[in-house]
Protein backbone atom coordinates (compact mmCIF):
# COMPACT_ATOMS: atom_id res chain seq x y z
CA MET A 1 102.42 123.97 131.39
CA LEU A 2 99.07 122.92 132.83
CA GLY A 3 99.12 120.82 136.02
CA MET A 4 97.51 117.41 136.02
CA ALA A 5 93.97 117.16 137.52
CA HIS A 6 93.73 115.48 140.89
CA PRO A 7 92.11 112.05 140.68
CA PRO A 8 88.79 111.63 142.56
CA ALA A 9 89.10 110.47 146.15
CA ALA A 10 88.72 106.73 146.72
CA PRO A 11 85.47 105.60 148.36
CA LEU A 12 85.62 105.71 152.15
CA THR A 13 85.69 102.25 153.75
CA VAL A 14 82.68 101.79 156.03
CA SER A 15 81.77 98.48 157.69
CA PRO A 16 78.17 97.17 157.53
CA SER A 17 77.62 97.88 161.24
CA GLU A 18 78.99 101.42 160.86
CA ARG A 19 76.76 102.01 157.83
CA GLY A 20 73.78 100.87 159.87
CA VAL A 21 74.55 103.41 162.58
CA LEU A 22 75.13 106.17 160.03
CA GLU A 23 71.84 105.47 158.28
CA ARG A 24 69.98 105.48 161.59
CA LEU A 25 71.56 108.84 162.45
CA VAL A 26 70.37 110.30 159.15
CA ARG A 27 66.88 108.81 159.48
CA ALA A 28 66.12 109.55 163.13
CA ARG A 29 64.28 112.78 163.80
CA THR A 30 66.00 113.02 167.20
CA THR A 31 69.51 113.30 165.73
CA GLU A 32 71.18 116.71 165.97
CA GLN A 33 71.28 118.28 162.51
CA ARG A 34 75.04 118.78 162.57
CA VAL A 35 75.61 115.10 163.41
CA ALA A 36 73.12 114.01 160.73
CA GLN A 37 74.94 116.16 158.17
CA ARG A 38 78.29 114.60 159.10
CA ALA A 39 76.75 111.14 158.71
CA ARG A 40 75.47 112.12 155.24
CA ILE A 41 78.96 113.26 154.27
CA VAL A 42 80.46 109.92 155.34
CA LEU A 43 77.74 107.90 153.59
CA GLY A 44 78.26 109.87 150.39
CA ALA A 45 82.00 109.31 150.60
CA ALA A 46 81.43 105.59 151.25
CA ASP A 47 79.27 105.42 148.11
CA GLY A 48 82.07 106.93 146.04
CA VAL A 49 80.37 110.29 145.48
CA ALA A 50 82.88 113.00 144.58
CA ASN A 51 83.76 115.39 147.39
CA LYS A 52 82.68 118.45 145.39
CA ARG A 53 79.33 116.87 144.60
CA ILE A 54 78.76 115.99 148.28
CA ALA A 55 79.53 119.59 149.21
CA ALA A 56 77.15 120.95 146.57
CA GLU A 57 74.29 118.60 147.48
CA LEU A 58 74.55 119.28 151.21
CA GLY A 59 75.24 123.00 150.91
CA VAL A 60 78.61 122.89 152.70
CA THR A 61 82.16 123.78 151.73
CA LEU A 62 84.62 121.34 150.25
CA MET A 63 86.82 121.80 153.34
CA THR A 64 83.93 120.62 155.53
CA VAL A 65 83.59 117.42 153.50
CA LEU A 66 87.33 116.77 153.68
CA LEU A 67 87.34 117.43 157.43
CA TRP A 68 84.69 114.83 158.26
CA ARG A 69 86.18 112.30 155.86
CA ARG A 70 89.49 112.61 157.76
CA ARG A 71 87.80 112.54 161.15
CA PHE A 72 85.92 109.37 160.29
CA GLN A 73 89.01 107.70 158.84
CA ALA A 74 90.95 108.49 162.00
CA ASP A 75 88.34 107.93 164.73
CA ARG A 76 85.51 106.06 162.99
CA LEU A 77 82.03 106.77 164.45
CA ALA A 78 83.45 108.56 167.48
CA GLY A 79 85.02 111.06 165.08
CA LEU A 80 81.60 112.45 164.15
CA GLY A 81 81.25 114.05 167.59
CA ASP A 82 82.56 117.49 168.44
CA ALA A 83 86.16 117.66 169.57
CA PRO A 84 86.67 118.30 173.30
CA ARG A 85 86.74 121.97 174.18
CA SER A 86 89.89 123.62 175.43
CA GLY A 87 90.41 122.90 179.11
CA ARG A 88 88.31 119.72 179.06
CA PRO A 89 90.75 116.80 178.89
CA LEU A 90 89.73 113.38 177.69
CA VAL A 91 89.11 111.00 180.58
CA TYR A 92 89.34 107.81 178.56
CA GLU A 93 91.77 106.14 176.21
CA ARG A 94 91.10 105.56 172.54
CA GLY A 95 91.17 101.80 173.03
CA GLU A 96 88.51 102.06 175.74
CA ARG A 97 86.35 104.21 173.50
CA ASP A 98 86.68 101.83 170.55
CA ARG A 99 85.82 98.85 172.73
CA ILE A 100 82.70 100.54 174.09
CA ILE A 101 81.52 101.46 170.60
CA ALA A 102 82.22 97.97 169.27
CA LEU A 103 80.32 96.29 172.12
CA THR A 104 77.39 98.70 171.70
CA LEU A 105 77.02 97.71 168.04
CA GLU A 106 77.07 93.98 168.81
CA PRO A 107 74.18 91.92 170.29
CA THR A 108 74.31 91.60 174.06
CA THR A 109 75.17 88.25 175.66
CA ASP A 110 73.36 88.64 178.98
CA GLY A 111 69.79 88.09 177.76
CA THR A 112 68.93 91.79 177.43
CA THR A 113 67.92 93.47 174.19
CA HIS A 114 70.22 96.47 174.41
CA TRP A 115 73.00 98.00 176.50
CA SER A 116 72.42 100.46 179.33
CA ALA A 117 75.16 102.86 180.41
CA ARG A 118 75.28 101.20 183.83
CA ARG A 119 75.78 97.67 182.48
CA MET A 120 78.29 98.85 179.87
CA ALA A 121 80.31 100.69 182.53
CA ALA A 122 80.38 97.56 184.70
CA ARG A 123 81.44 95.41 181.74
CA ILE A 124 84.29 97.72 180.68
CA GLY A 125 85.31 98.79 184.17
CA THR A 126 84.79 102.52 183.65
CA SER A 127 82.35 105.19 184.83
CA ILE A 128 78.79 105.63 183.63
CA THR A 129 79.65 109.22 182.67
CA THR A 130 82.43 108.01 180.39
CA VAL A 131 80.08 105.60 178.62
CA GLN A 132 77.45 108.30 178.19
CA ARG A 133 80.03 110.75 176.81
CA ILE A 134 81.38 108.22 174.30
CA TRP A 135 77.87 107.32 173.18
CA ALA A 136 77.01 111.01 172.75
CA GLU A 137 80.13 111.64 170.67
CA ALA A 138 79.39 108.62 168.47
CA GLY A 139 75.69 109.46 168.15
CA LEU A 140 74.68 106.15 169.73
CA LYS A 141 71.39 105.87 171.65
CA PRO A 142 70.86 102.20 172.59
CA HIS A 143 67.92 103.08 174.86
CA ARG A 144 65.91 104.41 171.91
CA THR A 145 64.16 102.48 169.18
CA GLU A 146 62.04 103.35 166.16
CA THR A 147 59.23 101.48 164.50
CA PHE A 148 58.35 101.78 160.84
CA LYS A 149 55.93 100.31 158.36
CA PHE A 150 56.48 99.91 154.62
CA SER A 151 53.51 99.83 152.30
CA THR A 152 53.56 96.91 149.87
CA ASP A 153 50.58 98.18 147.91
CA PRO A 154 51.30 97.61 144.19
CA ASP A 155 49.37 100.82 143.44
CA LEU A 156 51.26 102.81 146.05
CA ALA A 157 52.42 105.65 143.80
CA VAL A 158 49.07 106.01 142.03
CA LYS A 159 47.14 106.18 145.32
CA ILE A 160 49.55 108.59 146.97
CA ARG A 161 49.42 110.97 144.00
CA ASP A 162 45.64 110.70 143.88
CA VAL A 163 45.09 111.47 147.58
CA VAL A 164 47.75 114.17 147.88
CA GLY A 165 46.46 115.74 144.67
CA LEU A 166 43.04 116.10 146.30
CA TYR A 167 44.60 117.78 149.35
CA LEU A 168 46.82 120.21 147.46
CA ALA A 169 44.63 120.91 144.41
CA PRO A 170 41.00 119.88 145.03
CA PRO A 171 38.61 119.80 142.06
CA GLU A 172 36.63 122.96 141.41
CA ARG A 173 33.02 123.04 142.63
CA ALA A 174 33.56 119.85 144.61
CA ILE A 175 34.11 118.98 148.28
CA VAL A 176 36.86 116.68 149.54
CA LEU A 177 36.06 114.68 152.68
CA SER A 178 38.46 112.61 154.78
CA LEU A 179 36.42 109.79 156.29
CA ASP A 180 37.13 107.03 158.79
CA GLU A 181 35.88 105.43 161.98
CA LYS A 182 37.38 105.27 165.47
CA THR A 183 36.23 101.95 166.87
CA GLN A 184 35.73 100.61 170.39
CA ILE A 185 35.90 103.92 172.26
CA GLN A 186 35.45 102.92 175.89
CA ALA A 187 33.21 104.68 178.40
CA LEU A 188 35.56 104.48 181.40
CA ASP A 189 34.43 105.61 184.84
CA ARG A 190 37.08 106.14 187.54
CA THR A 191 36.47 104.26 190.79
CA GLN A 192 36.88 107.45 192.86
CA PRO A 193 35.95 111.07 192.10
CA MET A 194 38.69 113.05 190.35
CA LEU A 195 40.71 115.56 192.40
CA PRO A 196 40.61 118.75 190.31
CA LEU A 197 43.45 121.04 189.33
CA ARG A 198 44.47 123.53 192.04
CA PRO A 199 47.35 125.96 192.54
CA GLY A 200 50.37 123.81 193.33
CA GLN A 201 48.55 120.55 192.53
CA VAL A 202 47.93 118.88 189.19
CA GLU A 203 44.67 117.15 188.38
CA ARG A 204 44.63 113.64 189.89
CA HIS A 205 42.55 110.55 189.30
CA THR A 206 42.71 106.88 190.20
CA HIS A 207 44.55 104.47 187.95
CA ASP A 208 41.72 101.91 188.04
CA TYR A 209 38.34 102.29 186.40
CA LYS A 210 35.07 100.60 185.52
CA ARG A 211 34.15 99.84 181.91
CA ASN A 212 30.65 100.97 180.98
CA GLY A 213 30.50 99.90 177.33
CA THR A 214 31.88 101.12 174.03
CA THR A 215 30.87 103.06 170.96
CA SER A 216 32.29 103.49 167.47
CA LEU A 217 32.59 106.96 166.01
CA PHE A 218 32.30 107.66 162.28
CA ALA A 219 33.63 111.03 161.14
CA ALA A 220 34.01 112.90 157.85
CA LEU A 221 36.39 115.89 157.88
CA GLU A 222 35.84 118.58 155.23
CA VAL A 223 39.40 119.19 154.05
CA ALA A 224 38.81 122.78 152.90
CA THR A 225 37.29 124.01 156.18
CA GLY A 226 38.23 121.50 158.90
CA LYS A 227 34.58 120.97 159.87
CA VAL A 228 33.51 117.45 160.84
CA THR A 229 30.35 115.42 160.40
CA THR A 230 30.10 112.71 163.05
CA GLU A 231 27.85 109.86 164.07
CA ALA A 232 28.28 107.41 166.96
CA ARG A 233 27.08 103.86 166.42
CA ALA A 234 27.09 100.73 168.55
CA ARG A 235 28.98 98.72 165.92
CA HIS A 236 31.20 99.30 162.90
CA THR A 237 29.91 96.85 160.31
CA GLY A 238 29.43 97.43 156.61
CA ALA A 239 25.80 98.30 157.34
CA ASP A 240 26.88 100.92 159.90
CA PHE A 241 29.32 102.41 157.44
CA LEU A 242 26.61 102.58 154.77
CA ALA A 243 24.26 104.28 157.23
CA PHE A 244 26.93 106.93 157.88
CA LEU A 245 27.42 107.42 154.14
CA ARG A 246 23.72 108.22 153.85
CA HIS A 247 24.15 110.67 156.73
CA VAL A 248 27.03 112.38 154.90
CA GLU A 249 25.06 112.48 151.66
CA ARG A 250 22.25 114.34 153.40
CA ALA A 251 24.74 116.75 154.99
CA TYR A 252 26.17 117.64 151.53
CA PRO A 253 23.25 117.63 149.06
CA ASP A 254 23.63 118.45 145.36
CA VAL A 255 27.43 118.70 145.32
CA GLU A 256 30.20 116.48 143.99
CA LEU A 257 31.96 114.64 146.83
CA HIS A 258 35.43 113.09 146.79
CA VAL A 259 35.89 110.84 149.82
CA VAL A 260 39.34 109.78 151.06
CA LEU A 261 39.25 106.57 153.14
CA ASP A 262 41.25 103.45 153.88
CA ASN A 263 40.97 99.91 152.54
CA VAL A 264 39.13 98.06 155.30
CA SER A 265 36.61 95.49 154.14
CA THR A 266 33.57 97.36 155.51
CA HIS A 267 34.28 100.13 153.00
CA LYS A 268 34.00 97.74 150.04
CA THR A 269 30.99 95.52 150.74
CA PRO A 270 28.62 94.69 147.84
CA ASP A 271 25.97 96.93 149.41
CA VAL A 272 28.40 99.87 149.57
CA ARG A 273 29.48 99.36 145.95
CA ALA A 274 25.86 99.15 144.82
CA TRP A 275 25.05 102.34 146.73
CA LEU A 276 27.94 104.15 145.06
CA GLU A 277 26.67 103.13 141.64
CA ARG A 278 23.35 104.76 142.47
CA HIS A 279 25.13 107.94 143.67
CA PRO A 280 27.66 108.82 140.95
CA ARG A 281 28.34 112.27 142.47
CA ILE A 282 30.27 110.50 145.26
CA THR A 283 33.74 109.09 144.43
CA PHE A 284 35.95 107.03 146.74
CA HIS A 285 39.73 107.54 146.85
CA PHE A 286 41.54 104.84 148.84
CA THR A 287 44.78 105.41 150.74
CA PRO A 288 47.51 102.77 150.19
CA THR A 289 47.57 99.75 152.46
CA SER A 290 49.57 100.35 155.66
CA ALA A 291 49.33 104.09 155.06
CA SER A 292 45.90 105.02 156.38
CA TRP A 293 47.59 107.76 158.45
CA ARG A 294 47.58 109.75 155.18
CA ASN A 295 43.91 110.29 155.98
CA GLN A 296 43.53 113.75 157.55
CA VAL A 297 40.63 112.75 159.81
CA GLU A 298 43.11 110.60 161.78
CA THR A 299 44.64 113.87 163.01
CA TRP A 300 41.24 115.02 164.23
CA PHE A 301 40.67 111.71 166.03
CA GLY A 302 43.98 112.26 167.85
CA ILE A 303 42.91 115.75 168.95
CA LEU A 304 39.56 114.39 170.14
CA SER A 305 41.26 111.70 172.24
CA ARG A 306 43.73 114.07 173.88
CA ALA A 307 41.33 116.95 174.48
CA ALA A 308 38.06 115.24 175.40
CA LEU A 309 38.36 111.51 176.04
CA ARG A 310 41.65 110.34 177.55
CA ARG A 311 41.22 112.07 180.90
CA GLY A 312 37.42 111.87 180.95
CA SER A 313 35.20 109.82 183.24
CA PHE A 314 31.95 108.48 181.80
CA GLY A 315 29.23 106.68 183.72
CA SER A 316 27.61 105.39 180.54
CA VAL A 317 27.97 105.21 176.78
CA LYS A 318 25.31 107.93 176.57
CA GLU A 319 27.58 110.30 178.55
CA LEU A 320 30.52 109.41 176.32
CA ILE A 321 28.56 110.17 173.14
CA ALA A 322 27.29 113.45 174.62
CA ARG A 323 30.89 114.51 175.30
CA ILE A 324 31.94 113.65 171.73
CA GLU A 325 29.02 115.57 170.26
CA LEU A 326 29.79 118.60 172.46
CA PHE A 327 33.44 118.57 171.39
CA ALA A 328 32.52 118.23 167.70
CA ALA A 329 30.07 121.13 167.92
CA SER A 330 32.66 123.34 169.62
CA TRP A 331 35.27 122.30 167.06
CA ASN A 332 32.99 123.19 164.13
CA ALA A 333 32.20 126.60 165.63
CA GLY A 334 35.86 127.62 165.25
CA ALA A 335 37.09 125.09 162.71
CA SER A 336 40.08 125.69 160.50
CA PRO A 337 41.65 123.32 157.96
CA PHE A 338 44.79 121.32 158.55
CA THR A 339 47.67 122.46 156.36
CA TRP A 340 49.04 119.71 154.13
CA VAL A 341 52.62 120.51 153.12
CA LYS A 342 54.17 117.31 151.70
CA THR A 343 54.01 116.68 147.97
CA ALA A 344 53.49 113.20 146.56
CA ASP A 345 57.11 113.05 145.42
CA GLU A 346 58.37 113.91 148.92
CA ILE A 347 56.22 111.19 150.45
CA LEU A 348 57.23 108.57 147.91
CA ALA A 349 60.90 109.44 148.41
CA LYS A 350 60.57 108.21 152.00
CA ALA A 351 58.90 104.96 150.94
CA VAL A 352 55.89 105.64 153.16
CA ARG A 353 57.92 105.04 156.28
CA LYS A 354 56.73 106.55 159.53
CA PRO A 355 59.26 106.17 162.31
CA VAL A 356 58.13 106.47 165.88
CA ALA A 357 60.89 106.84 168.43
CA THR A 358 60.50 105.36 171.89
CA SER A 359 62.76 105.35 174.89
CA GLU A 360 63.60 102.19 176.78
CA SER A 361 66.03 103.25 179.48
CA GLY A 362 67.29 100.40 181.62
CA HIS A 363 69.75 99.54 184.35
């Protein structure tokens, strides 16, 4: 006689605040992978997904899924941490742990924005080490925060597929350029001469400086080679952008150009549109709103800032421009393309969200 099939497990009960913590653990790039996987198991169980399906989707055994279901049911968020090792006794009671976790998930009442281990220890009447250990076991990091930006562009999917398609499969006998401008680059001159790097001493400079003017840098990155075409201009108006387009056109004669750029108004002036009509070999491809970081030239701007500008000292705008031109020439001499690895589907699955974690440790 055949035995009866076991009914599917009931959905795991998870409170809204616990779900919020679990989702942050899954989303944060700073979360340990094993903790993130445990959080995914609990979220799947809370959504009523069958245990076997959770195991298959996450590439774990059924016993692993059952283990973390039981651990969460018994110890809630604290249960997602590793059990204490042999010989390391717990130095806190379960009630103390639950109270610390509950307070951490609630808004503070002392005018601060988040708990510190020191203030939590004083509130509960325990040690800072105990608070830190409980937070680590529960995957809680109140001192860290992430920012994100959602694109509300109605043509989001179309634009993402268009731009990523150019990166991964560019048209034959055509050149793809990533174009943008870095505005208001300041020529900063330190008030005292820099103390150079020496054995046993890092480079040092004063924290104060004199402003000697600004420039705006237009740049077009050739996606296939990594080479850049640049031009510094005093302003960044529609007329300046059009002047740079003419510069790019001369740099790439008699070839079809596909230009990736963002949606700022200077890229869409009547003069620019009229110029494009007279130059049909050049096609614009706009990134979605709030997602201009999809433009590869932004990566090059970041490298320029870190390698040549941030620690520089410039007595004039002319010196600043000379440094930029020198860096661009050196870059082009050994240029290599950036490797784009994300498909359009992978990007869209994350809803064009770009978290940036920051630390805000307090007392």
